[in-house]
C-alpha cells in the first residue's frame, strides 16, 4: 500500500473512532502545512483538511465539532424566498 493510501486509511479510521465515541461529529482534520501540501488534499470524507504548524509532520488531529463549546462558530442569518407548501399527502398506502 502506498504512503498516501496508508495516510487515508489511518485518518479514516480516526474519524470513525471519533464519531463512534462522541456525540459531536468530527469537523475537520488538522495536519502540518508541509503534510497538507505534500498530500495535495483539500478534504477527506467531506471534512476540510487544515494546515496547523503546531502539529508535527507525520501526525494529524481530528477536531471535534464540540471543541470550544461554541467558540469560533459563526452565526449567520439565512435569507431565502418563501416557498408555498403543497397540501399534506399521506405517507403510507391508503386503506
C-alpha atoms as a PDB file:
ATOM      1  CA  UNK A   1       0.000   0.000   0.000  1.00  0.00           C
ATOM      2  CA  UNK A   2       1.304   3.481  -0.860  1.00  0.00           C
ATOM      3  CA  UNK A   3       2.119   6.090   1.790  1.00  0.00           C
ATOM      4  CA  UNK A   4      -0.881   8.110   0.593  1.00  0.00           C
ATOM      5  CA  UNK A   5      -3.129   5.065   0.981  1.00  0.00           C
ATOM      6  CA  UNK A   6      -1.812   4.420   4.493  1.00  0.00           C
ATOM      7  CA  UNK A   7      -2.483   8.063   5.435  1.00  0.00           C
ATOM      8  CA  UNK A   8      -6.002   7.876   4.042  1.00  0.00           C
ATOM      9  CA  UNK A   9      -6.692   4.656   5.944  1.00  0.00           C
ATOM     10  CA  UNK A  10      -5.292   5.992   9.254  1.00  0.00           C
ATOM     11  CA  UNK A  11      -7.239   9.264   9.032  1.00  0.00           C
ATOM     12  CA  UNK A  12     -10.430   7.487   8.007  1.00  0.00           C
ATOM     13  CA  UNK A  13     -10.151   5.090  10.973  1.00  0.00           C
ATOM     14  CA  UNK A  14      -9.552   8.018  13.341  1.00  0.00           C
ATOM     15  CA  UNK A  15     -12.642   9.818  12.021  1.00  0.00           C
ATOM     16  CA  UNK A  16     -14.721   6.651  12.514  1.00  0.00           C
ATOM     17  CA  UNK A  17     -13.329   6.158  16.024  1.00  0.00           C
ATOM     18  CA  UNK A  18     -14.107   9.763  16.976  1.00  0.00           C
ATOM     19  CA  UNK A  19     -17.625   9.690  15.532  1.00  0.00           C
ATOM     20  CA  UNK A  20     -18.472   6.367  17.210  1.00  0.00           C
ATOM     21  CA  UNK A  21     -17.450   7.578  20.668  1.00  0.00           C
ATOM     22  CA  UNK A  22     -18.509  11.229  20.688  1.00  0.00           C
ATOM     23  CA  UNK A  23     -21.942  12.863  20.441  1.00  0.00           C
ATOM     24  CA  UNK A  24     -20.399  15.628  18.307  1.00  0.00           C
ATOM     25  CA  UNK A  25     -19.176  14.699  14.813  1.00  0.00           C
ATOM     26  CA  UNK A  26     -15.669  15.417  13.578  1.00  0.00           C
ATOM     27  CA  UNK A  27     -15.495  18.840  11.918  1.00  0.00           C
ATOM     28  CA  UNK A  28     -12.009  18.973  10.386  1.00  0.00           C
ATOM     29  CA  UNK A  29      -8.656  17.248  10.125  1.00  0.00           C
ATOM     30  CA  UNK A  30      -5.546  19.223  11.067  1.00  0.00           C
ATOM     31  CA  UNK A  31      -2.061  18.436   9.803  1.00  0.00           C
ATOM     32  CA  UNK A  32       1.269  20.146   9.487  1.00  0.00           C
ATOM     33  CA  UNK A  33       1.136  22.523   6.477  1.00  0.00           C
ATOM     34  CA  UNK A  34       4.004  20.591   4.888  1.00  0.00           C
ATOM     35  CA  UNK A  35       1.934  17.393   5.002  1.00  0.00           C
ATOM     36  CA  UNK A  36      -1.131  19.167   3.596  1.00  0.00           C
ATOM     37  CA  UNK A  37       0.926  20.469   0.674  1.00  0.00           C
ATOM     38  CA  UNK A  38       2.653  17.117   0.116  1.00  0.00           C
ATOM     39  CA  UNK A  39      -0.621  15.180   0.015  1.00  0.00           C
ATOM     40  CA  UNK A  40      -2.417  17.836  -2.021  1.00  0.00           C
ATOM     41  CA  UNK A  41      -5.759  17.041  -0.394  1.00  0.00           C
ATOM     42  CA  UNK A  42      -8.315  19.732   0.449  1.00  0.00           C
ATOM     43  CA  UNK A  43     -10.694  17.406   2.248  1.00  0.00           C
ATOM     44  CA  UNK A  44     -11.184  13.836   3.336  1.00  0.00           C
ATOM     45  CA  UNK A  45     -14.608  12.226   3.677  1.00  0.00           C
ATOM     46  CA  UNK A  46     -16.197  15.666   3.420  1.00  0.00           C
ATOM     47  CA  UNK A  47     -14.080  17.168   6.212  1.00  0.00           C
ATOM     48  CA  UNK A  48     -11.719  20.031   5.391  1.00  0.00           C
ATOM     49  CA  UNK A  49      -8.008  19.465   5.891  1.00  0.00           C
ATOM     50  CA  UNK A  50      -6.498  22.455   7.683  1.00  0.00           C
ATOM     51  CA  UNK A  51      -2.797  23.239   7.996  1.00  0.00           C
ATOM     52  CA  UNK A  52      -1.600  23.679  11.587  1.00  0.00           C
ATOM     53  CA  UNK A  53       2.075  24.420  12.238  1.00  0.00           C
ATOM     54  CA  UNK A  54       1.693  23.198  15.852  1.00  0.00           C
ATOM     55  CA  UNK A  55       1.258  19.615  14.619  1.00  0.00           C
ATOM     56  CA  UNK A  56       4.417  17.713  13.773  1.00  0.00           C
ATOM     57  CA  UNK A  57       4.984  16.085  10.406  1.00  0.00           C
ATOM     58  CA  UNK A  58       3.609  12.575  10.159  1.00  0.00           C
ATOM     59  CA  UNK A  59       0.822  13.373  12.621  1.00  0.00           C
ATOM     60  CA  UNK A  60      -2.738  14.661  12.386  1.00  0.00           C
ATOM     61  CA  UNK A  61      -5.561  15.737  14.677  1.00  0.00           C
ATOM     62  CA  UNK A  62      -9.287  15.141  14.328  1.00  0.00           C
ATOM     63  CA  UNK A  63     -11.119  18.264  15.507  1.00  0.00           C
ATOM     64  CA  UNK A  64     -14.457  17.718  17.212  1.00  0.00           C
ATOM     65  CA  UNK A  65     -17.368  19.999  16.348  1.00  0.00           C
ATOM     66  CA  UNK A  66     -17.976  20.218  20.104  1.00  0.00           C
ATOM     67  CA  UNK A  67     -14.482  21.635  20.803  1.00  0.00           C
ATOM     68  CA  UNK A  68     -14.653  25.100  22.325  1.00  0.00           C
ATOM     69  CA  UNK A  69     -18.361  24.765  23.103  1.00  0.00           C
ATOM     70  CA  UNK A  70     -19.452  27.301  20.523  1.00  0.00           C
ATOM     71  CA  UNK A  71     -16.335  29.450  20.475  1.00  0.00           C
ATOM     72  CA  UNK A  72     -15.352  30.455  16.992  1.00  0.00           C
ATOM     73  CA  UNK A  73     -18.652  29.426  15.477  1.00  0.00           C
ATOM     74  CA  UNK A  74     -20.080  31.966  13.090  1.00  0.00           C
ATOM     75  CA  UNK A  75     -23.781  32.624  13.245  1.00  0.00           C
ATOM     76  CA  UNK A  76     -25.387  33.851  10.055  1.00  0.00           C
ATOM     77  CA  UNK A  77     -28.912  34.782   9.106  1.00  0.00           C
ATOM     78  CA  UNK A  78     -30.411  32.700   6.338  1.00  0.00           C
ATOM     79  CA  UNK A  79     -32.148  34.705   3.631  1.00  0.00           C
ATOM     80  CA  UNK A  80     -34.489  32.985   1.247  1.00  0.00           C
ATOM     81  CA  UNK A  81     -37.636  33.150  -0.786  1.00  0.00           C
ATOM     82  CA  UNK A  82     -40.923  31.940   0.741  1.00  0.00           C
ATOM     83  CA  UNK A  83     -41.955  28.556  -0.617  1.00  0.00           C
ATOM     84  CA  UNK A  84     -45.577  27.514  -0.962  1.00  0.00           C
ATOM     85  CA  UNK A  85     -46.069  24.161   0.741  1.00  0.00           C
ATOM     86  CA  UNK A  86     -48.480  21.778  -1.004  1.00  0.00           C
ATOM     87  CA  UNK A  87     -51.362  20.166   0.877  1.00  0.00           C
ATOM     88  CA  UNK A  88     -50.269  17.276   3.103  1.00  0.00           C
ATOM     89  CA  UNK A  89     -50.084  13.900   1.407  1.00  0.00           C
ATOM     90  CA  UNK A  90     -50.404  10.674   3.448  1.00  0.00           C
ATOM     91  CA  UNK A  91     -47.040   8.992   3.959  1.00  0.00           C
ATOM     92  CA  UNK A  92     -48.235   5.400   3.656  1.00  0.00           C
ATOM     93  CA  UNK A  93     -50.525   3.387   1.443  1.00  0.00           C
ATOM     94  CA  UNK A  94     -54.205   4.276   1.612  1.00  0.00           C
ATOM     95  CA  UNK A  95     -56.505   1.837   3.329  1.00  0.00           C
END
